[in-house]
Amino acid sequence: MLFRSYLACAADPAVQRAATRCPPWTVRDLTAHLAATFHRFADQLGKASAGDLTAPFAPGDLSRENLRAVELFRGDPLQALRR
């Protein structure tokens, strides 16, 4: 329910441009971050199932990885998050 509410609110172009409590991220950036995080998590689950337990990034690099993922994100973050 909360997930669907978030997607409905974030679909508004004016809301997508709104600032968040994570400056300088906008709601669109936050949505891209969530989509990238869920994609990374699914990828790690697949690798772990195949026996690959390699860490996705170095210890202490979570913030840097999050910024990188948002900067590199292409496409519609809402669509990606729905998937």
C-alpha atoms as a PDB file:
ATOM      1  CA  MET A   1       0.000   0.000   0.000  1.00  0.00           C
ATOM      2  CA  LEU A   2       2.709   2.500   0.976  1.00  0.00           C
ATOM      3  CA  PHE A   3       4.736   1.552  -2.110  1.00  0.00           C
ATOM      4  CA  ARG A   4       1.772   2.239  -4.423  1.00  0.00           C
ATOM      5  CA  SER A   5       1.106   5.531  -2.648  1.00  0.00           C
ATOM      6  CA  TYR A   6       4.726   6.574  -3.131  1.00  0.00           C
ATOM      7  CA  LEU A   7       4.586   5.708  -6.853  1.00  0.00           C
ATOM      8  CA  ALA A   8       1.327   7.618  -7.293  1.00  0.00           C
ATOM      9  CA  CYS A   9       2.677  10.731  -5.561  1.00  0.00           C
ATOM     10  CA  ALA A  10       6.071  10.569  -7.274  1.00  0.00           C
ATOM     11  CA  ALA A  11       4.426  10.337 -10.714  1.00  0.00           C
ATOM     12  CA  ASP A  12       3.527  14.033 -10.572  1.00  0.00           C
ATOM     13  CA  PRO A  13       6.229  15.966 -12.513  1.00  0.00           C
ATOM     14  CA  ALA A  14       6.082  18.789  -9.964  1.00  0.00           C
ATOM     15  CA  VAL A  15       6.715  16.316  -7.137  1.00  0.00           C
ATOM     16  CA  GLN A  16       9.598  14.721  -9.068  1.00  0.00           C
ATOM     17  CA  ARG A  17      11.386  18.096  -9.018  1.00  0.00           C
ATOM     18  CA  ALA A  18      10.757  18.647  -5.295  1.00  0.00           C
ATOM     19  CA  ALA A  19      13.665  18.648  -2.866  1.00  0.00           C
ATOM     20  CA  THR A  20      14.028  15.838  -0.318  1.00  0.00           C
ATOM     21  CA  ARG A  21      15.617  15.668   3.123  1.00  0.00           C
ATOM     22  CA  CYS A  22      18.702  14.262   1.356  1.00  0.00           C
ATOM     23  CA  PRO A  23      20.116  17.363  -0.348  1.00  0.00           C
ATOM     24  CA  PRO A  24      20.779  17.809  -3.195  1.00  0.00           C
ATOM     25  CA  TRP A  25      18.496  14.917  -4.217  1.00  0.00           C
ATOM     26  CA  THR A  26      15.071  15.514  -5.683  1.00  0.00           C
ATOM     27  CA  VAL A  27      12.188  13.052  -5.447  1.00  0.00           C
ATOM     28  CA  ARG A  28      13.208  11.794  -8.917  1.00  0.00           C
ATOM     29  CA  ASP A  29      16.758  11.190  -7.621  1.00  0.00           C
ATOM     30  CA  LEU A  30      15.383   9.356  -4.599  1.00  0.00           C
ATOM     31  CA  THR A  31      13.212   7.200  -6.864  1.00  0.00           C
ATOM     32  CA  ALA A  32      16.246   6.422  -9.046  1.00  0.00           C
ATOM     33  CA  HIS A  33      18.169   5.512  -5.882  1.00  0.00           C
ATOM     34  CA  LEU A  34      15.426   3.105  -4.782  1.00  0.00           C
ATOM     35  CA  ALA A  35      15.235   1.524  -8.244  1.00  0.00           C
ATOM     36  CA  ALA A  36      19.021   1.128  -8.426  1.00  0.00           C
ATOM     37  CA  THR A  37      19.169  -0.288  -4.890  1.00  0.00           C
ATOM     38  CA  PHE A  38      16.467  -2.887  -5.584  1.00  0.00           C
ATOM     39  CA  HIS A  39      18.191  -3.809  -8.856  1.00  0.00           C
ATOM     40  CA  ARG A  40      21.533  -4.191  -7.057  1.00  0.00           C
ATOM     41  CA  PHE A  41      19.869  -6.309  -4.368  1.00  0.00           C
ATOM     42  CA  ALA A  42      18.248  -8.603  -6.962  1.00  0.00           C
ATOM     43  CA  ASP A  43      21.576  -8.897  -8.772  1.00  0.00           C
ATOM     44  CA  GLN A  44      23.348  -9.820  -5.527  1.00  0.00           C
ATOM     45  CA  LEU A  45      20.697 -12.442  -4.736  1.00  0.00           C
ATOM     46  CA  GLY A  46      21.245 -14.028  -8.142  1.00  0.00           C
ATOM     47  CA  LYS A  47      25.001 -14.038  -7.677  1.00  0.00           C
ATOM     48  CA  ALA A  48      24.717 -15.442  -4.151  1.00  0.00           C
ATOM     49  CA  SER A  49      22.466 -18.231  -5.425  1.00  0.00           C
ATOM     50  CA  ALA A  50      25.221 -19.095  -7.910  1.00  0.00           C
ATOM     51  CA  GLY A  51      27.813 -19.107  -5.114  1.00  0.00           C
ATOM     52  CA  ASP A  52      29.345 -15.679  -5.797  1.00  0.00           C
ATOM     53  CA  LEU A  53      29.465 -13.817  -2.485  1.00  0.00           C
ATOM     54  CA  THR A  54      31.608 -10.936  -3.755  1.00  0.00           C
ATOM     55  CA  ALA A  55      30.663  -7.644  -2.118  1.00  0.00           C
ATOM     56  CA  PRO A  56      29.047  -5.151  -4.524  1.00  0.00           C
ATOM     57  CA  PHE A  57      31.324  -2.355  -3.246  1.00  0.00           C
ATOM     58  CA  ALA A  58      34.054  -1.837  -0.672  1.00  0.00           C
ATOM     59  CA  PRO A  59      33.231  -1.471   3.018  1.00  0.00           C
ATOM     60  CA  GLY A  60      32.524   2.171   3.792  1.00  0.00           C
ATOM     61  CA  ASP A  61      31.615   3.001   0.163  1.00  0.00           C
ATOM     62  CA  LEU A  62      27.824   2.826   0.462  1.00  0.00           C
ATOM     63  CA  SER A  63      27.311   6.599   0.193  1.00  0.00           C
ATOM     64  CA  ARG A  64      29.678   6.853  -2.768  1.00  0.00           C
ATOM     65  CA  GLU A  65      27.959   3.907  -4.470  1.00  0.00           C
ATOM     66  CA  ASN A  66      24.525   5.466  -3.926  1.00  0.00           C
ATOM     67  CA  LEU A  67      25.659   8.760  -5.472  1.00  0.00           C
ATOM     68  CA  ARG A  68      27.258   6.917  -8.397  1.00  0.00           C
ATOM     69  CA  ALA A  69      24.138   4.831  -9.019  1.00  0.00           C
ATOM     70  CA  VAL A  70      21.910   7.919  -9.109  1.00  0.00           C
ATOM     71  CA  GLU A  71      24.293   9.807 -11.401  1.00  0.00           C
ATOM     72  CA  LEU A  72      24.461   6.881 -13.840  1.00  0.00           C
ATOM     73  CA  PHE A  73      20.746   6.073 -13.750  1.00  0.00           C
ATOM     74  CA  ARG A  74      19.078   6.343 -17.148  1.00  0.00           C
ATOM     75  CA  GLY A  75      15.440   5.976 -18.045  1.00  0.00           C
ATOM     76  CA  ASP A  76      12.270   6.372 -16.067  1.00  0.00           C
ATOM     77  CA  PRO A  77      12.935   5.672 -12.384  1.00  0.00           C
ATOM     78  CA  LEU A  78       9.231   5.126 -11.659  1.00  0.00           C
ATOM     79  CA  GLN A  79       9.000   2.434 -14.318  1.00  0.00           C
ATOM     80  CA  ALA A  80      12.217   0.835 -13.091  1.00  0.00           C
ATOM     81  CA  LEU A  81      10.991   0.862  -9.484  1.00  0.00           C
ATOM     82  CA  ARG A  82       7.685  -0.747 -10.482  1.00  0.00           C
ATOM     83  CA  ARG A  83       9.608  -3.605 -12.106  1.00  0.00           C
END
